[in-house]
Amino acid sequence: MAAHAALVLGTCTCASPAPARELPPPAYQLAAQQVGVPSPVLYAVALQESGTRLRGRLIPWPWTLNVAGRAERYPTRANACTGLRKALSHTPASRIDAGLGQVNLGHHAHRYVHPCELLDPYRNLAIAAEILQEQHTAGEDWLVAIGRYHRPAGGAPAARYRRSVHQHLARVLGPDASLSSIRTTTP
């Protein structure tokens, strides 16, 4: 099951006709399309938030937690849920992020009923896409929304985050593409 999820969620990056370009996996395309976010943006954010090396490639890992600044990766959703419950017993929810998009449990408590819901990769991607869409203003560069995804108040932390995610976008879009070349309807 874990291998299947990794294939669908992170390692199904298929080469497109353009050299050095990756097509975001189907789960990212679906979540992004449902709320009007470019799928390369959602995928690049997930690479930044939960990326881990598997067989020499950086892929988003669905069962990733960040507990008070410390990354924890688990082999299964059940293990991650156990780790999340344990973390909540000693760490404030506002200091815990979960899943592919590293959704913060405290700031986004209104988006879930039970914390382990955030470890459902499809649910987590849907929430991450919603957050990105909420941070975007029509006509504005998606990099601004990406910075606010990480830090709504902006400033230096948002700028650093934008630069990091931009590197992942270059990988996904190809070295010669610009972020302005992607549209909300991009797969």
Protein backbone atom coordinates (compact mmCIF):
# COMPACT_ATOMS: atom_id res chain seq x y z
CA MET A 1 0.00 0.00 0.00
CA ALA A 2 2.77 2.45 0.90
CA ALA A 3 4.55 1.69 -2.37
CA HIS A 4 1.33 2.27 -4.31
CA ALA A 5 0.74 5.60 -2.57
CA ALA A 6 4.30 6.70 -3.26
CA LEU A 7 3.82 5.90 -6.93
CA VAL A 8 0.54 7.79 -7.23
CA LEU A 9 1.55 10.72 -5.05
CA GLY A 10 5.18 11.30 -5.75
CA THR A 11 7.08 9.05 -8.07
CA CYS A 12 4.71 9.08 -11.03
CA THR A 13 6.39 12.18 -12.33
CA CYS A 14 6.19 11.52 -16.02
CA ALA A 15 8.46 13.26 -18.46
CA SER A 16 6.59 15.48 -20.85
CA PRO A 17 7.71 16.23 -24.41
CA ALA A 18 9.66 19.29 -23.22
CA PRO A 19 13.09 18.34 -21.85
CA ALA A 20 13.68 18.50 -18.09
CA ARG A 21 10.01 19.05 -17.32
CA GLU A 22 7.90 16.96 -14.98
CA LEU A 23 4.19 16.49 -15.06
CA PRO A 24 2.81 16.63 -11.51
CA PRO A 25 1.33 13.27 -10.46
CA PRO A 26 -2.45 12.80 -10.94
CA ALA A 27 -3.35 13.41 -7.28
CA TYR A 28 -1.75 16.87 -7.45
CA GLN A 29 -3.44 17.65 -10.74
CA LEU A 30 -6.86 16.74 -9.34
CA ALA A 31 -6.50 18.65 -6.06
CA ALA A 32 -5.17 21.72 -7.86
CA GLN A 33 -7.84 21.67 -10.57
CA GLN A 34 -10.66 21.45 -8.02
CA VAL A 35 -9.76 24.85 -6.56
CA GLY A 36 -8.09 26.58 -9.50
CA VAL A 37 -4.43 26.34 -8.52
CA PRO A 38 -1.75 25.45 -11.07
CA SER A 39 -0.70 21.87 -10.34
CA PRO A 40 3.04 22.65 -10.68
CA VAL A 41 2.62 25.18 -7.85
CA LEU A 42 0.98 22.62 -5.56
CA TYR A 43 3.56 19.98 -6.45
CA ALA A 44 6.50 22.36 -5.88
CA VAL A 45 5.10 23.32 -2.47
CA ALA A 46 4.78 19.64 -1.53
CA LEU A 47 8.36 19.01 -2.65
CA GLN A 48 9.49 21.83 -0.37
CA GLU A 49 7.29 20.84 2.56
CA SER A 50 7.64 17.06 2.71
CA GLY A 51 10.29 16.20 0.13
CA THR A 52 12.54 13.26 0.85
CA ARG A 53 15.00 11.29 -1.22
CA LEU A 54 13.78 7.91 -2.48
CA ARG A 55 15.89 5.98 -4.98
CA GLY A 56 17.91 9.11 -5.67
CA ARG A 57 14.91 11.35 -6.42
CA LEU A 58 13.31 14.02 -4.30
CA ILE A 59 9.62 13.19 -3.82
CA PRO A 60 6.95 14.46 -1.41
CA TRP A 61 6.37 11.96 1.42
CA PRO A 62 2.77 11.75 2.67
CA TRP A 63 3.54 10.60 6.20
CA THR A 64 5.78 13.46 7.23
CA LEU A 65 5.37 15.45 10.43
CA ASN A 66 7.20 18.53 11.59
CA VAL A 67 7.10 18.69 15.36
CA ALA A 68 8.50 21.91 16.80
CA GLY A 69 10.91 22.27 13.88
CA ARG A 70 11.99 18.61 13.74
CA ALA A 71 11.05 16.53 10.69
CA GLU A 72 9.70 13.04 11.34
CA ARG A 73 9.00 10.61 8.49
CA TYR A 74 7.04 7.41 8.93
CA PRO A 75 6.72 4.34 6.72
CA THR A 76 2.92 4.18 6.93
CA ARG A 77 -0.09 6.35 7.65
CA ALA A 78 -0.85 4.32 10.79
CA ASN A 79 2.67 4.89 12.13
CA ALA A 80 2.43 8.60 11.33
CA CYS A 81 -0.94 8.84 13.10
CA THR A 82 0.57 7.23 16.21
CA GLY A 83 3.46 9.70 16.01
CA LEU A 84 1.03 12.60 15.58
CA ARG A 85 -1.01 11.59 18.63
CA LYS A 86 2.17 11.28 20.67
CA ALA A 87 3.38 14.69 19.46
CA LEU A 88 0.06 16.30 20.40
CA SER A 89 0.43 14.96 23.93
CA HIS A 90 3.50 17.14 24.53
CA THR A 91 3.58 19.80 21.79
CA PRO A 92 1.06 22.58 21.05
CA ALA A 93 -0.90 21.99 17.83
CA SER A 94 0.42 25.30 16.45
CA ARG A 95 3.93 23.76 16.44
CA ILE A 96 2.96 20.66 14.43
CA ASP A 97 2.63 20.36 10.65
CA ALA A 98 1.41 17.21 8.92
CA GLY A 99 1.31 15.52 5.54
CA LEU A 100 2.37 16.34 2.00
CA GLY A 101 1.64 20.05 2.33
CA GLN A 102 2.68 20.25 6.00
CA VAL A 103 -0.66 21.69 7.08
CA ASN A 104 -0.34 23.30 10.51
CA LEU A 105 -2.65 21.64 13.03
CA GLY A 106 -3.20 24.77 15.09
CA HIS A 107 -3.70 27.37 12.38
CA HIS A 108 -5.89 25.13 10.26
CA ALA A 109 -7.89 23.28 12.93
CA HIS A 110 -11.10 24.43 11.20
CA ARG A 111 -10.18 22.30 8.17
CA TYR A 112 -10.30 18.89 9.85
CA VAL A 113 -12.23 16.99 12.52
CA HIS A 114 -9.52 14.56 13.65
CA PRO A 115 -5.80 15.42 13.33
CA CYS A 116 -4.96 12.14 11.59
CA GLU A 117 -7.19 13.22 8.68
CA LEU A 118 -4.25 15.37 7.63
CA LEU A 119 -2.31 12.17 6.96
CA ASP A 120 -4.71 11.16 4.22
CA PRO A 121 -2.61 12.27 1.24
CA TYR A 122 -5.62 13.23 -0.88
CA ARG A 123 -7.26 15.22 1.92
CA ASN A 124 -3.97 16.93 2.73
CA LEU A 125 -3.44 17.93 -0.90
CA ALA A 126 -6.98 19.29 -1.09
CA ILE A 127 -6.38 21.42 2.01
CA ALA A 128 -2.97 22.61 0.78
CA ALA A 129 -4.53 23.61 -2.55
CA GLU A 130 -7.32 25.48 -0.72
CA ILE A 131 -4.75 27.38 1.35
CA LEU A 132 -2.77 28.30 -1.76
CA GLN A 133 -5.93 29.50 -3.50
CA GLU A 134 -6.92 31.58 -0.47
CA GLN A 135 -3.49 33.22 -0.46
CA HIS A 136 -3.65 34.12 -4.16
CA THR A 137 -5.04 37.34 -5.56
CA ALA A 138 -6.24 37.34 -9.17
CA GLY A 139 -3.60 38.75 -11.51
CA GLU A 140 -0.86 38.29 -8.93
CA ASP A 141 2.22 36.14 -9.39
CA TRP A 142 1.75 32.71 -7.81
CA LEU A 143 5.11 33.13 -6.05
CA VAL A 144 3.51 35.74 -3.79
CA ALA A 145 0.79 33.25 -2.81
CA ILE A 146 3.47 30.61 -2.27
CA GLY A 147 5.25 32.91 0.20
CA ARG A 148 2.00 33.58 2.05
CA TYR A 149 1.29 29.83 2.16
CA HIS A 150 4.34 29.54 4.38
CA ARG A 151 3.95 32.85 6.21
CA PRO A 152 0.81 34.91 5.62
CA ALA A 153 2.44 37.97 7.18
CA GLY A 154 5.16 37.93 4.51
CA GLY A 155 8.60 39.34 5.26
CA ALA A 156 11.98 37.64 5.06
CA PRO A 157 10.73 34.11 5.95
CA ALA A 158 8.18 34.25 3.11
CA ALA A 159 10.85 35.51 0.70
CA ARG A 160 13.25 32.68 1.63
CA TYR A 161 10.42 30.17 1.20
CA ARG A 162 9.51 31.60 -2.22
CA ARG A 163 13.12 31.21 -3.36
CA SER A 164 13.23 27.58 -2.21
CA VAL A 165 9.92 26.67 -3.85
CA HIS A 166 10.97 28.51 -7.01
CA GLN A 167 13.86 26.03 -7.35
CA HIS A 168 11.36 23.15 -7.26
CA LEU A 169 9.18 24.96 -9.80
CA ALA A 170 12.15 25.24 -12.13
CA ARG A 171 12.58 21.47 -11.85
CA VAL A 172 8.91 20.85 -12.59
CA LEU A 173 8.45 23.45 -15.32
CA GLY A 174 11.87 23.10 -16.92
CA PRO A 175 14.85 25.45 -16.75
CA ASP A 176 13.62 27.88 -19.41
CA ALA A 177 10.03 28.23 -18.20
CA SER A 178 8.84 31.13 -16.11
CA LEU A 179 6.16 30.98 -13.48
CA SER A 180 4.11 33.40 -15.53
CA SER A 181 3.95 30.72 -18.24
CA ILE A 182 1.71 28.52 -16.11
CA ARG A 183 -2.00 29.00 -15.95
CA THR A 184 -4.48 27.99 -13.31
CA THR A 185 -5.70 25.27 -15.66
CA THR A 186 -2.24 23.74 -16.14
CA PRO A 187 -2.32 20.02 -15.26
